[in-house]
Each structure stands twice: as C-alpha cells, then as structure tokens.
Amino acid sequence: MRYFGLQVILFVFVGVSALAQSPTLNEKVSRFVSGKLGQRVGGGECAHLAMEALRHAGAKFLRGADHPEPGDYVWGKLIAVLEPGKLDFKTKVKSGDLVQFRNSTFKNGALYTHHTAVVAEVDDRGQPTAVWEENVGPLGKADRTVRKTKIDFGLLKSGWIRIYQPEPRVRKPGQYEFVLLNRTDIPRDVFVQLGDRRLFTISLTADNTDASYGYGMATINAPIPPTLVVGASRINIVDAAGYEIVTNDGKVTIRRMP
C-alpha cells in the first residue's frame, strides 16, 4: 500500500511539473510571429498575421462578430479599451495579445486607420511598448512583411485601441475550420466538396493581395471529411489546417501549408 501511495505522489508531481512547463497560447503566438520577422505571412495583410499566429498557437483563429462596428475585428477575450487620455488597463497585457486599431492617430504623427497588430513587448506595468505588424506604410508602398515597431499608447490623440487575449479553441464534432492561401499569379476558385457534392466555393485573388488569403468553415455529419478541389488537384480537409495553392511543374496543386 505504501508503494502504491508513493506511485501516486510521484505521478501527480511529474504531471504538475510538465504542465507548468507547457507554453501558453500567448507564448505560442509570440514564438510564431517573432520567427516570421522579415517574411510575408498569409497574403501580407495585417489581419493575416494575427489569424495565422492564432491558428498555429492552437487558439480560436476565426474572428468573432465584428464589434463595435462592422470591420472592427474581435480576436478573443477583450482585456483593454484605450481612448485618448483613458488608458484603461484593467488586466496586464502580455506579449502575444492582439491589438485592433480604429482611426487611431498619435501625437508623434503615427496613424492607424484600420489595423491589426500583435503585442511584442510590455513594460513592468504590463503596458505595450512594441508590436509586431505587417502591411505598414503609405497606400501602394506598404511593407507587407513582418516588422517590430516601438509604440507608446500614451500618445494616442484620437480614435480607439482594443486589446484581445487569445482564447483556447475546442473542436466541435464534425467541425472543419481552415485557411487558404493562393500563391499563384492569377485568381483561383477553390471548391469545398463532400464526395462529388459541391458545398461552396472560395474565390481567392492573385498572390500577395488582400483576398489571396481566405478561410472556410463547414460542419459535416458524415463518415468522410470534406475535400478542397482546385482543377484536378484535391486534398482532404483537416480541422484547423492551412492550405496553399501553388504551381508545380506547370500544374496547379493544392497542398497543406507547413
């Protein structure tokens, strides 16, 4: 009996130790984004970076309903709403949290009309001091690769900023959520099918454009998974996976993204 009790104690100790060492969603988001510096993520849009970071972290990556207005993206649990002179940080912000800007102008001349970023650094008070972002700069000349930018939210002059914490994602039975990226130089239609029955179509624009990256969601009550079809190429959908359309030896192929 004593030996059995010792086994239980050791098991619990090891389990707690392993759990304590597991990276959090925020840490996973930060690790993904920091590893993409200088690279284009998704189609190069700011929101693509956030969505891919959440997806790779195992968090909810399909946005909730826009709030407070259409186009105001919601990325998880709301933990801060910032307005000029009202830096209401009720919760300490962490690296890996998501930032949504709306008509945000700063006293140093910075402007974020509609933008998404990821918190990169915070100070001792838990207030952001740097963000990771992409698609930054003048219209038509924006840098569509990931960069790290210092920021002072205390300089906010107009508009608002909302900060969201990544939330765990739990798969529901029969649920398939996925993302698509067109890496070819012409628009592509991707058919989502169950067997030979077409469920819906996702239209993607050419590589390195806003709509070259998209997402889909289907709930299937069937023993087989849905498939993605582009031309003669097809692949079974795995929940929470990403897929890219490429040209290989002159043939259009859809394959799973790394």
C-alpha atoms as a PDB file:
ATOM      1  CA  MET A   1       0.000   0.000   0.000  1.00  0.00           C
ATOM      2  CA  ARG A   2       2.818   2.381   0.782  1.00  0.00           C
ATOM      3  CA  TYR A   3       4.417   1.676  -2.548  1.00  0.00           C
ATOM      4  CA  PHE A   4       1.154   2.408  -4.358  1.00  0.00           C
ATOM      5  CA  GLY A   5       0.787   5.707  -2.488  1.00  0.00           C
ATOM      6  CA  LEU A   6       4.304   6.701  -3.439  1.00  0.00           C
ATOM      7  CA  GLN A   7       3.494   5.993  -7.072  1.00  0.00           C
ATOM      8  CA  VAL A   8       0.503   8.338  -6.957  1.00  0.00           C
ATOM      9  CA  ILE A   9       2.512  11.139  -5.360  1.00  0.00           C
ATOM     10  CA  LEU A  10       5.250  10.844  -7.953  1.00  0.00           C
ATOM     11  CA  PHE A  11       2.716  10.797 -10.787  1.00  0.00           C
ATOM     12  CA  VAL A  12       0.992  13.974  -9.594  1.00  0.00           C
ATOM     13  CA  PHE A  13       4.321  15.730  -9.098  1.00  0.00           C
ATOM     14  CA  VAL A  14       5.521  14.912 -12.596  1.00  0.00           C
ATOM     15  CA  GLY A  15       2.168  15.909 -14.095  1.00  0.00           C
ATOM     16  CA  VAL A  16       2.168  19.322 -12.419  1.00  0.00           C
ATOM     17  CA  SER A  17       5.790  19.920 -13.388  1.00  0.00           C
ATOM     18  CA  ALA A  18       5.104  19.112 -17.038  1.00  0.00           C
ATOM     19  CA  LEU A  19       2.001  21.300 -17.047  1.00  0.00           C
ATOM     20  CA  ALA A  20       3.924  24.255 -15.624  1.00  0.00           C
ATOM     21  CA  GLN A  21       6.439  23.987 -18.454  1.00  0.00           C
ATOM     22  CA  SER A  22       3.856  23.932 -21.243  1.00  0.00           C
ATOM     23  CA  PRO A  23       3.881  27.169 -23.272  1.00  0.00           C
ATOM     24  CA  THR A  24       0.796  29.353 -23.012  1.00  0.00           C
ATOM     25  CA  LEU A  25      -1.225  30.475 -26.017  1.00  0.00           C
ATOM     26  CA  ASN A  26       0.404  33.905 -25.729  1.00  0.00           C
ATOM     27  CA  GLU A  27       3.856  32.351 -25.758  1.00  0.00           C
ATOM     28  CA  LYS A  28       2.980  30.256 -28.804  1.00  0.00           C
ATOM     29  CA  VAL A  29       1.649  33.324 -30.639  1.00  0.00           C
ATOM     30  CA  SER A  30       4.802  35.290 -29.783  1.00  0.00           C
ATOM     31  CA  ARG A  31       7.080  32.461 -30.854  1.00  0.00           C
ATOM     32  CA  PHE A  32       5.339  32.152 -34.218  1.00  0.00           C
ATOM     33  CA  VAL A  33       5.353  35.867 -35.012  1.00  0.00           C
ATOM     34  CA  SER A  34       8.923  36.532 -33.849  1.00  0.00           C
ATOM     35  CA  GLY A  35      10.062  33.731 -36.145  1.00  0.00           C
ATOM     36  CA  LYS A  36       8.442  35.470 -39.132  1.00  0.00           C
ATOM     37  CA  LEU A  37      10.330  38.793 -38.962  1.00  0.00           C
ATOM     38  CA  GLY A  38      11.122  39.978 -42.483  1.00  0.00           C
ATOM     39  CA  GLN A  39       8.734  37.449 -44.033  1.00  0.00           C
ATOM     40  CA  ARG A  40       5.273  37.807 -45.521  1.00  0.00           C
ATOM     41  CA  VAL A  41       2.583  35.904 -43.626  1.00  0.00           C
ATOM     42  CA  GLY A  42      -0.614  34.970 -45.435  1.00  0.00           C
ATOM     43  CA  GLY A  43      -1.365  37.429 -48.216  1.00  0.00           C
ATOM     44  CA  GLY A  44       0.581  40.203 -46.474  1.00  0.00           C
ATOM     45  CA  GLU A  45      -2.365  41.911 -44.770  1.00  0.00           C
ATOM     46  CA  CYS A  46      -2.145  42.882 -41.098  1.00  0.00           C
ATOM     47  CA  ALA A  47      -5.049  40.643 -40.081  1.00  0.00           C
ATOM     48  CA  HIS A  48      -3.497  37.657 -41.846  1.00  0.00           C
ATOM     49  CA  LEU A  49      -0.575  37.783 -39.420  1.00  0.00           C
ATOM     50  CA  ALA A  50      -2.920  37.682 -36.433  1.00  0.00           C
ATOM     51  CA  MET A  51      -5.026  34.852 -37.814  1.00  0.00           C
ATOM     52  CA  GLU A  52      -2.036  32.678 -38.706  1.00  0.00           C
ATOM     53  CA  ALA A  53      -0.416  33.281 -35.325  1.00  0.00           C
ATOM     54  CA  LEU A  54      -3.597  32.227 -33.527  1.00  0.00           C
ATOM     55  CA  ARG A  55      -4.053  29.190 -35.756  1.00  0.00           C
ATOM     56  CA  HIS A  56      -0.509  27.944 -35.215  1.00  0.00           C
ATOM     57  CA  ALA A  57      -0.883  28.501 -31.471  1.00  0.00           C
ATOM     58  CA  GLY A  58      -3.988  26.321 -31.298  1.00  0.00           C
ATOM     59  CA  ALA A  59      -6.197  29.273 -30.338  1.00  0.00           C
ATOM     60  CA  LYS A  60      -9.510  30.388 -31.822  1.00  0.00           C
ATOM     61  CA  PHE A  61      -8.414  31.812 -35.159  1.00  0.00           C
ATOM     62  CA  LEU A  62     -11.677  32.597 -36.938  1.00  0.00           C
ATOM     63  CA  ARG A  63     -12.804  36.003 -35.736  1.00  0.00           C
ATOM     64  CA  GLY A  64     -15.988  36.543 -33.785  1.00  0.00           C
ATOM     65  CA  ALA A  65     -18.652  39.020 -34.888  1.00  0.00           C
ATOM     66  CA  ASP A  66     -17.214  42.487 -35.541  1.00  0.00           C
ATOM     67  CA  HIS A  67     -17.633  44.934 -32.663  1.00  0.00           C
ATOM     68  CA  PRO A  68     -18.475  47.707 -32.013  1.00  0.00           C
ATOM     69  CA  GLU A  69     -18.900  48.445 -35.741  1.00  0.00           C
ATOM     70  CA  PRO A  70     -18.537  46.420 -38.950  1.00  0.00           C
ATOM     71  CA  GLY A  71     -14.853  45.949 -39.705  1.00  0.00           C
ATOM     72  CA  ASP A  72     -13.806  46.197 -36.055  1.00  0.00           C
ATOM     73  CA  TYR A  73     -12.230  42.774 -35.688  1.00  0.00           C
ATOM     74  CA  VAL A  74     -12.589  40.740 -32.499  1.00  0.00           C
ATOM     75  CA  TRP A  75      -9.676  38.381 -31.756  1.00  0.00           C
ATOM     76  CA  GLY A  76     -10.523  36.765 -28.418  1.00  0.00           C
ATOM     77  CA  LYS A  77     -11.227  37.970 -24.896  1.00  0.00           C
ATOM     78  CA  LEU A  78     -11.367  41.769 -24.651  1.00  0.00           C
ATOM     79  CA  ILE A  79      -8.947  42.907 -21.927  1.00  0.00           C
ATOM     80  CA  ALA A  80      -8.433  46.619 -22.626  1.00  0.00           C
ATOM     81  CA  VAL A  81     -10.185  49.536 -24.352  1.00  0.00           C
ATOM     82  CA  LEU A  82      -7.962  52.563 -24.857  1.00  0.00           C
ATOM     83  CA  GLU A  83      -9.071  56.069 -25.799  1.00  0.00           C
ATOM     84  CA  PRO A  84      -7.243  59.409 -25.667  1.00  0.00           C
ATOM     85  CA  GLY A  85      -6.448  60.143 -22.032  1.00  0.00           C
ATOM     86  CA  LYS A  86      -8.086  56.895 -20.917  1.00  0.00           C
ATOM     87  CA  LEU A  87      -5.556  54.089 -20.822  1.00  0.00           C
ATOM     88  CA  ASP A  88      -7.788  51.610 -19.022  1.00  0.00           C
ATOM     89  CA  PHE A  89      -5.539  48.584 -18.478  1.00  0.00           C
ATOM     90  CA  LYS A  90      -7.690  46.513 -16.128  1.00  0.00           C
ATOM     91  CA  THR A  91      -5.565  43.479 -16.957  1.00  0.00           C
ATOM     92  CA  LYS A  92      -1.842  43.380 -17.604  1.00  0.00           C
ATOM     93  CA  VAL A  93      -1.192  42.988 -21.303  1.00  0.00           C
ATOM     94  CA  LYS A  94       1.219  40.254 -22.405  1.00  0.00           C
ATOM     95  CA  SER A  95       3.315  39.576 -25.445  1.00  0.00           C
ATOM     96  CA  GLY A  96       1.106  37.629 -27.849  1.00  0.00           C
ATOM     97  CA  ASP A  97      -2.061  39.618 -27.166  1.00  0.00           C
ATOM     98  CA  LEU A  98      -3.815  41.065 -30.236  1.00  0.00           C
ATOM     99  CA  VAL A  99      -4.282  44.784 -30.896  1.00  0.00           C
ATOM    100  CA  GLN A 100      -7.060  46.279 -33.027  1.00  0.00           C
ATOM    101  CA  PHE A 101      -6.839  49.947 -34.038  1.00  0.00           C
ATOM    102  CA  ARG A 102      -9.625  52.165 -35.375  1.00  0.00           C
ATOM    103  CA  ASN A 103      -8.946  55.713 -36.635  1.00  0.00           C
ATOM    104  CA  SER A 104      -6.038  55.850 -34.189  1.00  0.00           C
ATOM    105  CA  THR A 105      -3.834  58.925 -34.512  1.00  0.00           C
ATOM    106  CA  PHE A 106      -0.845  59.603 -32.284  1.00  0.00           C
ATOM    107  CA  LYS A 107       0.886  62.787 -31.173  1.00  0.00           C
ATOM    108  CA  ASN A 108       4.063  61.657 -32.948  1.00  0.00           C
ATOM    109  CA  GLY A 109       2.229  61.572 -36.296  1.00  0.00           C
ATOM    110  CA  ALA A 110       1.551  57.831 -36.464  1.00  0.00           C
ATOM    111  CA  LEU A 111      -1.798  56.852 -37.976  1.00  0.00           C
ATOM    112  CA  TYR A 112      -3.623  53.515 -37.913  1.00  0.00           C
ATOM    113  CA  THR A 113      -6.965  53.934 -39.674  1.00  0.00           C
ATOM    114  CA  HIS A 114      -7.832  50.229 -39.577  1.00  0.00           C
ATOM    115  CA  HIS A 115      -5.071  47.939 -38.418  1.00  0.00           C
ATOM    116  CA  THR A 116      -4.244  44.771 -36.506  1.00  0.00           C
ATOM    117  CA  ALA A 117      -1.012  44.043 -34.648  1.00  0.00           C
ATOM    118  CA  VAL A 118       0.429  41.617 -32.098  1.00  0.00           C
ATOM    119  CA  VAL A 119       1.949  42.774 -28.812  1.00  0.00           C
ATOM    120  CA  ALA A 120       5.710  42.153 -28.865  1.00  0.00           C
ATOM    121  CA  GLU A 121       6.910  43.813 -25.640  1.00  0.00           C
ATOM    122  CA  VAL A 122       5.378  45.223 -22.456  1.00  0.00           C
ATOM    123  CA  ASP A 123       6.802  47.285 -19.589  1.00  0.00           C
ATOM    124  CA  ASP A 124       6.769  46.431 -15.876  1.00  0.00           C
ATOM    125  CA  ARG A 125       3.194  47.728 -15.630  1.00  0.00           C
ATOM    126  CA  GLY A 126       2.003  45.352 -18.335  1.00  0.00           C
ATOM    127  CA  GLN A 127       1.518  48.112 -20.919  1.00  0.00           C
ATOM    128  CA  PRO A 128       2.631  47.504 -24.530  1.00  0.00           C
ATOM    129  CA  THR A 129       5.848  49.160 -25.718  1.00  0.00           C
ATOM    130  CA  ALA A 130       6.279  47.362 -29.062  1.00  0.00           C
ATOM    131  CA  VAL A 131       4.164  45.444 -31.573  1.00  0.00           C
ATOM    132  CA  TRP A 132       4.720  43.062 -34.459  1.00  0.00           C
ATOM    133  CA  GLU A 133       2.843  44.019 -37.607  1.00  0.00           C
ATOM    134  CA  GLU A 134       2.773  43.769 -41.386  1.00  0.00           C
ATOM    135  CA  ASN A 135       1.289  45.833 -44.226  1.00  0.00           C
ATOM    136  CA  VAL A 136       2.519  49.102 -42.748  1.00  0.00           C
ATOM    137  CA  GLY A 137       3.220  52.289 -44.693  1.00  0.00           C
ATOM    138  CA  PRO A 138       1.704  54.534 -47.372  1.00  0.00           C
ATOM    139  CA  LEU A 139      -1.004  53.115 -49.619  1.00  0.00           C
ATOM    140  CA  GLY A 140       0.635  51.291 -52.506  1.00  0.00           C
ATOM    141  CA  LYS A 141       4.036  51.322 -50.806  1.00  0.00           C
ATOM    142  CA  ALA A 142       3.286  49.382 -47.645  1.00  0.00           C
ATOM    143  CA  ASP A 143       5.776  46.886 -46.258  1.00  0.00           C
ATOM    144  CA  ARG A 144       3.914  43.585 -46.468  1.00  0.00           C
ATOM    145  CA  THR A 145       6.419  41.692 -44.334  1.00  0.00           C
ATOM    146  CA  VAL A 146       6.544  41.320 -40.559  1.00  0.00           C
ATOM    147  CA  ARG A 147       8.347  44.028 -38.613  1.00  0.00           C
ATOM    148  CA  LYS A 148       8.719  45.027 -34.974  1.00  0.00           C
ATOM    149  CA  THR A 149       7.703  48.597 -34.096  1.00  0.00           C
ATOM    150  CA  LYS A 150       8.097  50.597 -30.887  1.00  0.00           C
ATOM    151  CA  ILE A 151       4.830  52.205 -29.767  1.00  0.00           C
ATOM    152  CA  ASP A 152       3.619  54.469 -26.962  1.00  0.00           C
ATOM    153  CA  PHE A 153      -0.124  54.167 -26.411  1.00  0.00           C
ATOM    154  CA  GLY A 154       0.078  57.193 -24.111  1.00  0.00           C
ATOM    155  CA  LEU A 155       0.479  59.319 -27.261  1.00  0.00           C
ATOM    156  CA  LEU A 156      -2.962  58.322 -28.583  1.00  0.00           C
ATOM    157  CA  LYS A 157      -4.680  61.502 -29.795  1.00  0.00           C
ATOM    158  CA  SER A 158      -7.886  60.229 -31.411  1.00  0.00           C
ATOM    159  CA  GLY A 159      -9.721  57.017 -32.205  1.00  0.00           C
ATOM    160  CA  TRP A 160      -9.507  53.900 -30.072  1.00  0.00           C
ATOM    161  CA  ILE A 161      -7.488  50.745 -29.484  1.00  0.00           C
ATOM    162  CA  ARG A 162      -8.810  47.401 -28.285  1.00  0.00           C
ATOM    163  CA  ILE A 163      -6.602  44.615 -26.966  1.00  0.00           C
ATOM    164  CA  TYR A 164      -7.621  40.962 -27.015  1.00  0.00           C
ATOM    165  CA  GLN A 165      -6.239  37.876 -25.309  1.00  0.00           C
ATOM    166  CA  PRO A 166      -6.052  34.627 -27.320  1.00  0.00           C
ATOM    167  CA  GLU A 167      -8.680  32.081 -26.326  1.00  0.00           C
ATOM    168  CA  PRO A 168      -8.377  28.282 -26.387  1.00  0.00           C
ATOM    169  CA  ARG A 169     -10.004  26.566 -29.320  1.00  0.00           C
ATOM    170  CA  VAL A 170     -12.153  23.479 -28.762  1.00  0.00           C
ATOM    171  CA  ARG A 171     -13.214  21.489 -31.784  1.00  0.00           C
ATOM    172  CA  LYS A 172     -16.872  20.562 -32.079  1.00  0.00           C
ATOM    173  CA  PRO A 173     -17.926  17.224 -33.611  1.00  0.00           C
ATOM    174  CA  GLY A 174     -17.884  17.378 -37.395  1.00  0.00           C
ATOM    175  CA  GLN A 175     -16.343  20.858 -37.423  1.00  0.00           C
ATOM    176  CA  TYR A 176     -13.798  21.832 -40.056  1.00  0.00           C
ATOM    177  CA  GLU A 177     -12.219  25.290 -39.917  1.00  0.00           C
ATOM    178  CA  PHE A 178      -9.341  26.036 -42.258  1.00  0.00           C
ATOM    179  CA  VAL A 179      -7.437  28.731 -44.132  1.00  0.00           C
ATOM    180  CA  LEU A 180      -6.388  29.017 -47.758  1.00  0.00           C
ATOM    181  CA  LEU A 181      -3.583  30.910 -49.487  1.00  0.00           C
ATOM    182  CA  ASN A 182      -3.210  31.445 -53.222  1.00  0.00           C
ATOM    183  CA  ARG A 183       0.483  31.603 -54.146  1.00  0.00           C
ATOM    184  CA  THR A 184      -0.101  31.736 -57.895  1.00  0.00           C
ATOM    185  CA  ASP A 185      -0.166  34.871 -60.025  1.00  0.00           C
ATOM    186  CA  ILE A 186      -3.813  34.608 -61.115  1.00  0.00           C
ATOM    187  CA  PRO A 187      -7.115  34.341 -59.172  1.00  0.00           C
ATOM    188  CA  ARG A 188      -8.293  30.857 -58.213  1.00  0.00           C
ATOM    189  CA  ASP A 189     -11.608  29.292 -57.211  1.00  0.00           C
ATOM    190  CA  VAL A 190     -11.432  26.584 -54.572  1.00  0.00           C
ATOM    191  CA  PHE A 191     -14.355  24.179 -54.342  1.00  0.00           C
ATOM    192  CA  VAL A 192     -15.262  22.673 -50.976  1.00  0.00           C
ATOM    193  CA  GLN A 193     -16.861  19.292 -51.600  1.00  0.00           C
ATOM    194  CA  LEU A 194     -18.231  16.281 -49.763  1.00  0.00           C
ATOM    195  CA  GLY A 195     -17.578  13.428 -52.128  1.00  0.00           C
ATOM    196  CA  ASP A 196     -18.740  14.726 -55.505  1.00  0.00           C
ATOM    197  CA  ARG A 197     -21.219  17.190 -53.999  1.00  0.00           C
ATOM    198  CA  ARG A 198     -20.079  20.798 -54.027  1.00  0.00           C
ATOM    199  CA  LEU A 199     -20.802  22.575 -50.748  1.00  0.00           C
ATOM    200  CA  PHE A 200     -19.479  26.057 -51.514  1.00  0.00           C
ATOM    201  CA  THR A 201     -16.759  27.961 -53.358  1.00  0.00           C
ATOM    202  CA  ILE A 202     -13.982  30.179 -52.009  1.00  0.00           C
ATOM    203  CA  SER A 203     -12.626  32.697 -54.512  1.00  0.00           C
ATOM    204  CA  LEU A 204      -9.077  33.921 -53.978  1.00  0.00           C
ATOM    205  CA  THR A 205      -7.277  36.757 -55.739  1.00  0.00           C
ATOM    206  CA  ALA A 206      -3.698  36.538 -57.011  1.00  0.00           C
ATOM    207  CA  ASP A 207      -0.670  36.141 -54.746  1.00  0.00           C
ATOM    208  CA  ASN A 208       0.291  38.957 -52.349  1.00  0.00           C
ATOM    209  CA  THR A 209      -3.116  40.650 -52.294  1.00  0.00           C
ATOM    210  CA  ASP A 210      -5.775  41.153 -49.635  1.00  0.00           C
ATOM    211  CA  ALA A 211      -8.062  38.354 -50.817  1.00  0.00           C
ATOM    212  CA  SER A 212      -5.302  35.892 -51.744  1.00  0.00           C
ATOM    213  CA  TYR A 213      -5.791  34.558 -48.197  1.00  0.00           C
ATOM    214  CA  GLY A 214      -9.154  33.317 -47.030  1.00  0.00           C
ATOM    215  CA  TYR A 215     -10.841  30.892 -44.712  1.00  0.00           C
ATOM    216  CA  GLY A 216     -13.712  28.470 -44.613  1.00  0.00           C
ATOM    217  CA  MET A 217     -15.847  26.589 -42.130  1.00  0.00           C
ATOM    218  CA  ALA A 218     -18.050  23.545 -42.540  1.00  0.00           C
ATOM    219  CA  THR A 219     -19.873  21.246 -40.147  1.00  0.00           C
ATOM    220  CA  ILE A 220     -20.197  17.777 -41.616  1.00  0.00           C
ATOM    221  CA  ASN A 221     -22.314  14.907 -40.342  1.00  0.00           C
ATOM    222  CA  ALA A 222     -20.667  12.215 -42.429  1.00  0.00           C
ATOM    223  CA  PRO A 223     -18.043   9.465 -42.052  1.00  0.00           C
ATOM    224  CA  ILE A 224     -15.775  11.130 -44.616  1.00  0.00           C
ATOM    225  CA  PRO A 225     -14.052  14.531 -44.434  1.00  0.00           C
ATOM    226  CA  PRO A 226     -14.777  17.333 -46.897  1.00  0.00           C
ATOM    227  CA  THR A 227     -12.234  17.993 -49.627  1.00  0.00           C
ATOM    228  CA  LEU A 228     -10.694  21.032 -51.298  1.00  0.00           C
ATOM    229  CA  VAL A 229     -10.600  20.939 -55.085  1.00  0.00           C
ATOM    230  CA  VAL A 230      -8.628  23.170 -57.451  1.00  0.00           C
ATOM    231  CA  GLY A 231      -8.630  21.965 -61.039  1.00  0.00           C
ATOM    232  CA  ALA A 232      -7.523  18.339 -60.997  1.00  0.00           C
ATOM    233  CA  SER A 233      -5.919  18.648 -57.562  1.00  0.00           C
ATOM    234  CA  ARG A 234      -7.762  17.744 -54.386  1.00  0.00           C
ATOM    235  CA  ILE A 235      -6.972  17.190 -50.725  1.00  0.00           C
ATOM    236  CA  ASN A 236      -8.921  16.134 -47.649  1.00  0.00           C
ATOM    237  CA  ILE A 237      -9.538  18.900 -45.107  1.00  0.00           C
ATOM    238  CA  VAL A 238      -8.041  18.554 -41.639  1.00  0.00           C
ATOM    239  CA  ASP A 239      -9.589  20.786 -39.000  1.00  0.00           C
ATOM    240  CA  ALA A 240      -7.522  23.908 -38.165  1.00  0.00           C
ATOM    241  CA  ALA A 241      -5.107  23.265 -41.023  1.00  0.00           C
ATOM    242  CA  GLY A 242      -3.873  25.686 -43.669  1.00  0.00           C
ATOM    243  CA  TYR A 243      -3.627  25.010 -47.401  1.00  0.00           C
ATOM    244  CA  GLU A 244      -1.815  26.745 -50.239  1.00  0.00           C
ATOM    245  CA  ILE A 245      -2.295  26.738 -53.984  1.00  0.00           C
ATOM    246  CA  VAL A 246       0.967  26.549 -55.912  1.00  0.00           C
ATOM    247  CA  THR A 247       2.188  25.778 -59.398  1.00  0.00           C
ATOM    248  CA  ASN A 248       4.364  22.675 -59.510  1.00  0.00           C
ATOM    249  CA  ASP A 249       5.947  21.639 -62.826  1.00  0.00           C
ATOM    250  CA  GLY A 250       3.346  23.717 -64.632  1.00  0.00           C
ATOM    251  CA  LYS A 251       0.456  22.088 -62.790  1.00  0.00           C
ATOM    252  CA  VAL A 252      -1.768  23.774 -60.222  1.00  0.00           C
ATOM    253  CA  THR A 253      -1.646  21.928 -56.910  1.00  0.00           C
ATOM    254  CA  ILE A 254      -3.298  22.439 -53.547  1.00  0.00           C
ATOM    255  CA  ARG A 255      -1.270  21.214 -50.587  1.00  0.00           C
ATOM    256  CA  ARG A 256      -1.085  21.577 -46.850  1.00  0.00           C
ATOM    257  CA  MET A 257       0.940  24.526 -45.583  1.00  0.00           C
ATOM    258  CA  PRO A 258       3.849  23.908 -43.182  1.00  0.00           C
END
